[in-house]
Amino acid sequence: MTVNITPLHDRVLVRRLEEKETAKGGIIIPDTAKEKPQEGEVMAVGAGKMEKGRRVPLDVKVGDRHPLRQIHRK
C-alpha cells in the first residue's frame, strides 16, 4: 500500500537510513546496543516558504542524503 504524502510549506519528510548489521571486524552488534542512524534520506519536500508574497523554494530535493540532528529531551 503506497501513501502519497506532501509536506506543507517549508517542511521536509525524512526517512532514517539503516546502518549495517556488522562492524568492520565482522562482529554482529545487537539491536539494544546500536545507536540510531545519524543520516537520513529526503522522501518528500514541501512547496517552500512564503516570504514577502513570494514562494521561496527549499534547497533540498527528494533523494538527497543529509545528517540528522539529535534532539535531547529531558
N, C-alpha and C. Protein backbone atom coordinates (compact mmCIF):
# COMPACT_ATOMS: atom_id res chain seq x y z
N MET A 1 0.84 -1.18 0.00
CA MET A 1 0.00 0.00 0.00
C MET A 1 0.89 1.24 0.00
N THR A 2 0.72 2.09 -0.97
CA THR A 2 1.51 3.30 -1.09
C THR A 2 0.65 4.50 -0.72
N VAL A 3 1.21 5.37 0.11
CA VAL A 3 0.51 6.58 0.51
C VAL A 3 1.35 7.77 0.05
N ASN A 4 0.75 8.69 -0.67
CA ASN A 4 1.45 9.90 -1.10
C ASN A 4 1.31 10.96 -0.03
N ILE A 5 2.44 11.42 0.47
CA ILE A 5 2.45 12.46 1.50
C ILE A 5 3.15 13.68 0.93
N THR A 6 2.50 14.83 1.02
CA THR A 6 3.10 16.08 0.58
C THR A 6 3.20 17.01 1.77
N PRO A 7 4.41 17.30 2.24
CA PRO A 7 4.56 18.23 3.36
C PRO A 7 4.10 19.64 2.98
N LEU A 8 3.66 20.38 3.96
CA LEU A 8 3.20 21.75 3.73
C LEU A 8 4.36 22.74 3.86
N HIS A 9 4.32 23.76 3.06
CA HIS A 9 5.23 24.91 3.12
C HIS A 9 6.71 24.52 3.13
N ASP A 10 7.42 24.82 4.22
CA ASP A 10 8.87 24.58 4.26
C ASP A 10 9.23 23.32 5.06
N ARG A 11 8.34 22.35 5.07
CA ARG A 11 8.57 21.10 5.80
C ARG A 11 9.17 20.04 4.87
N VAL A 12 9.88 19.08 5.48
CA VAL A 12 10.54 18.01 4.73
C VAL A 12 10.26 16.69 5.44
N LEU A 13 10.00 15.64 4.68
CA LEU A 13 9.81 14.30 5.23
C LEU A 13 11.10 13.52 5.01
N VAL A 14 11.71 13.03 6.11
CA VAL A 14 13.00 12.35 6.04
C VAL A 14 12.86 10.94 6.62
N ARG A 15 13.47 9.97 5.95
CA ARG A 15 13.49 8.58 6.44
C ARG A 15 14.91 8.28 6.92
N ARG A 16 15.00 7.73 8.12
CA ARG A 16 16.32 7.34 8.65
C ARG A 16 16.89 6.21 7.81
N LEU A 17 18.18 6.29 7.53
CA LEU A 17 18.85 5.22 6.82
C LEU A 17 19.33 4.19 7.82
N GLU A 18 19.14 2.93 7.50
CA GLU A 18 19.55 1.85 8.39
C GLU A 18 21.05 1.64 8.31
N GLU A 19 21.66 1.38 9.45
CA GLU A 19 23.09 1.12 9.49
C GLU A 19 23.33 -0.35 9.19
N LYS A 20 24.56 -0.68 8.87
CA LYS A 20 24.93 -2.06 8.58
C LYS A 20 24.82 -2.90 9.84
N GLU A 21 24.52 -4.17 9.65
CA GLU A 21 24.35 -5.09 10.77
C GLU A 21 25.67 -5.49 11.43
N THR A 22 26.75 -5.52 10.66
CA THR A 22 28.03 -5.96 11.22
C THR A 22 29.05 -4.84 11.17
N ALA A 23 30.01 -4.90 12.06
CA ALA A 23 31.09 -3.93 12.10
C ALA A 23 32.20 -4.39 11.15
N LYS A 24 33.27 -3.58 11.01
CA LYS A 24 34.36 -3.93 10.11
C LYS A 24 35.00 -5.27 10.47
N GLY A 25 35.11 -5.56 11.75
CA GLY A 25 35.75 -6.79 12.20
C GLY A 25 34.85 -8.01 12.08
N GLY A 26 33.61 -7.84 11.61
CA GLY A 26 32.68 -8.95 11.45
C GLY A 26 31.85 -9.22 12.69
N ILE A 27 31.95 -8.36 13.70
CA ILE A 27 31.19 -8.55 14.93
C ILE A 27 29.76 -8.07 14.71
N ILE A 28 28.81 -8.89 15.10
CA ILE A 28 27.40 -8.52 14.98
C ILE A 28 27.00 -7.77 16.25
N ILE A 29 26.45 -6.57 16.06
CA ILE A 29 26.06 -5.73 17.19
C ILE A 29 24.57 -5.93 17.46
N PRO A 30 24.18 -6.25 18.70
CA PRO A 30 22.76 -6.45 19.00
C PRO A 30 21.97 -5.14 18.87
N ASP A 31 20.66 -5.26 18.63
CA ASP A 31 19.82 -4.08 18.43
C ASP A 31 19.81 -3.15 19.64
N THR A 32 19.91 -3.70 20.84
CA THR A 32 19.85 -2.87 22.04
C THR A 32 21.09 -2.01 22.21
N ALA A 33 22.21 -2.40 21.61
CA ALA A 33 23.46 -1.65 21.76
C ALA A 33 23.68 -0.66 20.63
N LYS A 34 22.84 -0.70 19.62
CA LYS A 34 23.02 0.19 18.47
C LYS A 34 22.52 1.59 18.77
N GLU A 35 23.19 2.56 18.17
CA GLU A 35 22.70 3.93 18.22
C GLU A 35 21.78 4.14 17.02
N LYS A 36 20.92 5.14 17.10
CA LYS A 36 20.04 5.44 15.98
C LYS A 36 20.88 5.99 14.83
N PRO A 37 20.48 5.72 13.60
CA PRO A 37 21.23 6.24 12.45
C PRO A 37 21.33 7.76 12.48
N GLN A 38 22.46 8.27 12.04
CA GLN A 38 22.72 9.71 12.06
C GLN A 38 22.46 10.36 10.70
N GLU A 39 22.01 9.59 9.73
CA GLU A 39 21.81 10.12 8.39
C GLU A 39 20.42 9.72 7.89
N GLY A 40 19.83 10.57 7.07
CA GLY A 40 18.51 10.29 6.54
C GLY A 40 18.40 10.69 5.09
N GLU A 41 17.39 10.12 4.42
CA GLU A 41 17.14 10.41 3.02
C GLU A 41 15.84 11.20 2.90
N VAL A 42 15.84 12.26 2.10
CA VAL A 42 14.66 13.10 1.91
C VAL A 42 13.66 12.33 1.05
N MET A 43 12.45 12.13 1.57
CA MET A 43 11.41 11.39 0.87
C MET A 43 10.41 12.33 0.17
N ALA A 44 10.13 13.48 0.78
CA ALA A 44 9.19 14.45 0.19
C ALA A 44 9.55 15.85 0.67
N VAL A 45 9.27 16.85 -0.18
CA VAL A 45 9.61 18.24 0.12
C VAL A 45 8.39 19.11 -0.12
N GLY A 46 8.17 20.05 0.80
CA GLY A 46 7.07 21.00 0.64
C GLY A 46 7.36 22.01 -0.47
N ALA A 47 6.37 22.84 -0.78
CA ALA A 47 6.48 23.80 -1.89
C ALA A 47 7.44 24.94 -1.58
N GLY A 48 7.65 25.25 -0.32
CA GLY A 48 8.56 26.34 0.05
C GLY A 48 7.90 27.32 0.98
N LYS A 49 8.69 28.25 1.46
CA LYS A 49 8.23 29.23 2.44
C LYS A 49 7.75 30.50 1.73
N MET A 50 6.68 31.09 2.25
CA MET A 50 6.18 32.35 1.70
C MET A 50 6.93 33.49 2.38
N GLU A 51 7.57 34.33 1.57
CA GLU A 51 8.32 35.45 2.09
C GLU A 51 8.04 36.68 1.22
N LYS A 52 7.45 37.71 1.81
CA LYS A 52 7.09 38.94 1.10
C LYS A 52 6.22 38.67 -0.12
N GLY A 53 5.27 37.74 0.04
CA GLY A 53 4.34 37.44 -1.04
C GLY A 53 4.88 36.51 -2.11
N ARG A 54 6.11 36.07 -1.99
CA ARG A 54 6.70 35.16 -2.97
C ARG A 54 7.06 33.84 -2.30
N ARG A 55 6.95 32.75 -3.04
CA ARG A 55 7.31 31.45 -2.51
C ARG A 55 8.80 31.20 -2.76
N VAL A 56 9.52 30.91 -1.68
CA VAL A 56 10.95 30.62 -1.76
C VAL A 56 11.12 29.10 -1.69
N PRO A 57 11.59 28.47 -2.78
CA PRO A 57 11.73 27.01 -2.77
C PRO A 57 12.85 26.55 -1.84
N LEU A 58 12.75 25.32 -1.38
CA LEU A 58 13.76 24.75 -0.48
C LEU A 58 14.98 24.32 -1.27
N ASP A 59 16.12 24.27 -0.59
CA ASP A 59 17.38 23.88 -1.23
C ASP A 59 17.52 22.37 -1.39
N VAL A 60 16.76 21.60 -0.63
CA VAL A 60 16.86 20.13 -0.70
C VAL A 60 15.86 19.59 -1.72
N LYS A 61 16.16 18.40 -2.23
CA LYS A 61 15.23 17.75 -3.15
C LYS A 61 15.12 16.28 -2.78
N VAL A 62 14.12 15.62 -3.30
CA VAL A 62 13.87 14.22 -2.99
C VAL A 62 15.09 13.38 -3.41
N GLY A 63 15.51 12.49 -2.50
CA GLY A 63 16.65 11.63 -2.78
C GLY A 63 17.95 12.12 -2.14
N ASP A 64 18.00 13.37 -1.69
CA ASP A 64 19.20 13.89 -1.03
C ASP A 64 19.42 13.17 0.29
N ARG A 65 20.69 13.02 0.68
CA ARG A 65 21.04 12.46 1.99
C ARG A 65 21.60 13.57 2.85
N HIS A 66 21.09 13.65 4.08
CA HIS A 66 21.51 14.71 4.99
C HIS A 66 21.71 14.15 6.39
N PRO A 67 22.63 14.74 7.15
CA PRO A 67 22.79 14.32 8.54
C PRO A 67 21.57 14.76 9.35
N LEU A 68 21.20 13.95 10.33
CA LEU A 68 20.08 14.29 11.20
C LEU A 68 20.61 14.90 12.48
N ARG A 69 19.92 15.89 12.97
CA ARG A 69 20.35 16.48 14.24
C ARG A 69 19.68 15.71 15.37
N GLN A 70 20.39 15.67 16.48
CA GLN A 70 19.88 14.97 17.65
C GLN A 70 19.12 15.95 18.53
N ILE A 71 17.95 15.55 18.96
CA ILE A 71 17.14 16.36 19.87
C ILE A 71 17.17 15.65 21.23
N HIS A 72 17.76 16.31 22.21
CA HIS A 72 17.86 15.73 23.54
C HIS A 72 16.73 16.28 24.40
N ARG A 73 15.89 15.39 24.84
CA ARG A 73 14.76 15.81 25.69
C ARG A 73 14.99 15.33 27.10
N LYS A 74 14.51 16.10 28.04
CA LYS A 74 14.66 15.75 29.46
C LYS A 74 13.46 14.98 29.95
